[in-house]
Amino acid sequence: MATLTIKNIPEPLVKRLKQQAAAHRRSLNFEVISYLEQMTHSVPLDVDALLARARAIRGTPKGVRLTDRLLDELKVAGRP
């Protein structure tokens, strides 16, 4: 197996990794390996498909542009 050295890890990150390792009853080394394995096996996000799905289900009428002001008005519409 190969050896990997990672430098300049922020102390808060090391602390969180140690806490997670303890919670999973693993060594710090094995915890980091587990995270690396998870990240390299993750499915990449298809941004175009996600946007197409969001546009399909959001249900805004054509020609209506959602603005912060319109959203605020819609939130309070019909409320006492």
Protein backbone atom coordinates (compact mmCIF):
# COMPACT_ATOMS: atom_id res chain seq x y z
CA MET A 1 0.00 0.00 0.00
CA ALA A 2 1.08 3.55 -0.66
CA THR A 3 1.71 6.24 1.91
CA LEU A 4 0.18 9.69 1.52
CA THR A 5 1.28 12.75 3.47
CA ILE A 6 -1.13 15.65 3.81
CA LYS A 7 0.28 18.94 5.06
CA ASN A 8 -1.22 22.05 6.63
CA ILE A 9 -4.50 20.53 7.78
CA PRO A 10 -6.44 23.11 9.80
CA GLU A 11 -6.66 22.19 13.46
CA PRO A 12 -10.50 22.40 13.59
CA LEU A 13 -10.67 19.84 10.76
CA VAL A 14 -8.28 17.50 12.58
CA LYS A 15 -10.42 17.82 15.70
CA ARG A 16 -13.61 16.95 13.78
CA LEU A 17 -11.91 14.00 12.09
CA LYS A 18 -10.73 12.70 15.46
CA GLN A 19 -14.24 13.05 16.88
CA GLN A 20 -15.73 11.19 13.93
CA ALA A 21 -13.08 8.48 14.17
CA ALA A 22 -13.88 7.98 17.84
CA ALA A 23 -17.61 7.87 17.13
CA HIS A 24 -17.05 5.20 14.47
CA ARG A 25 -14.51 3.35 16.65
CA ARG A 26 -11.81 3.75 14.02
CA SER A 27 -8.30 5.07 13.95
CA LEU A 28 -7.82 8.54 12.52
CA ASN A 29 -5.98 7.00 9.57
CA PHE A 30 -8.82 4.59 8.79
CA GLU A 31 -11.40 7.36 9.15
CA VAL A 32 -9.59 9.49 6.57
CA ILE A 33 -9.28 6.50 4.22
CA SER A 34 -13.02 5.86 4.59
CA TYR A 35 -13.83 9.46 3.67
CA LEU A 36 -11.51 9.35 0.67
CA GLU A 37 -13.12 6.12 -0.52
CA GLN A 38 -16.60 7.61 -0.16
CA MET A 39 -15.67 10.73 -2.10
CA THR A 40 -14.01 8.89 -4.95
CA HIS A 41 -16.95 6.50 -5.34
CA SER A 42 -19.61 9.19 -5.20
CA VAL A 43 -21.81 9.76 -8.19
CA PRO A 44 -21.07 13.03 -9.97
CA LEU A 45 -23.89 15.56 -9.98
CA ASP A 46 -25.57 16.14 -13.34
CA VAL A 47 -26.28 19.85 -13.02
CA ASP A 48 -28.21 20.13 -16.30
CA ALA A 49 -30.56 17.29 -15.34
CA LEU A 50 -31.08 18.75 -11.88
CA LEU A 51 -31.92 22.20 -13.29
CA ALA A 52 -34.28 20.68 -15.87
CA ARG A 53 -36.10 18.77 -13.14
CA ALA A 54 -36.36 21.86 -10.92
CA ARG A 55 -37.74 23.91 -13.80
CA ALA A 56 -40.26 21.19 -14.63
CA ILE A 57 -41.70 20.99 -11.10
CA ARG A 58 -41.47 24.57 -9.89
CA GLY A 59 -44.78 25.49 -11.52
CA THR A 60 -44.31 29.20 -12.18
CA PRO A 61 -46.38 30.60 -15.02
CA LYS A 62 -44.52 31.50 -18.19
CA GLY A 63 -43.50 35.13 -18.33
CA VAL A 64 -43.51 35.55 -14.54
CA ARG A 65 -40.11 36.46 -13.15
CA LEU A 66 -39.61 35.51 -9.53
CA THR A 67 -38.00 38.33 -7.60
CA ASP A 68 -37.36 38.73 -3.89
CA ARG A 69 -40.14 41.31 -3.74
CA LEU A 70 -42.66 39.02 -5.46
CA LEU A 71 -41.70 36.11 -3.20
CA ASP A 72 -42.17 38.30 -0.11
CA GLU A 73 -45.59 39.39 -1.37
CA LEU A 74 -46.64 35.80 -2.06
CA LYS A 75 -45.49 34.67 1.39
CA VAL A 76 -47.74 37.15 3.18
CA ALA A 77 -50.69 36.90 0.77
CA GLY A 78 -53.76 35.66 2.58
CA ARG A 79 -52.20 35.86 6.01
CA PRO A 80 -53.84 37.94 8.74
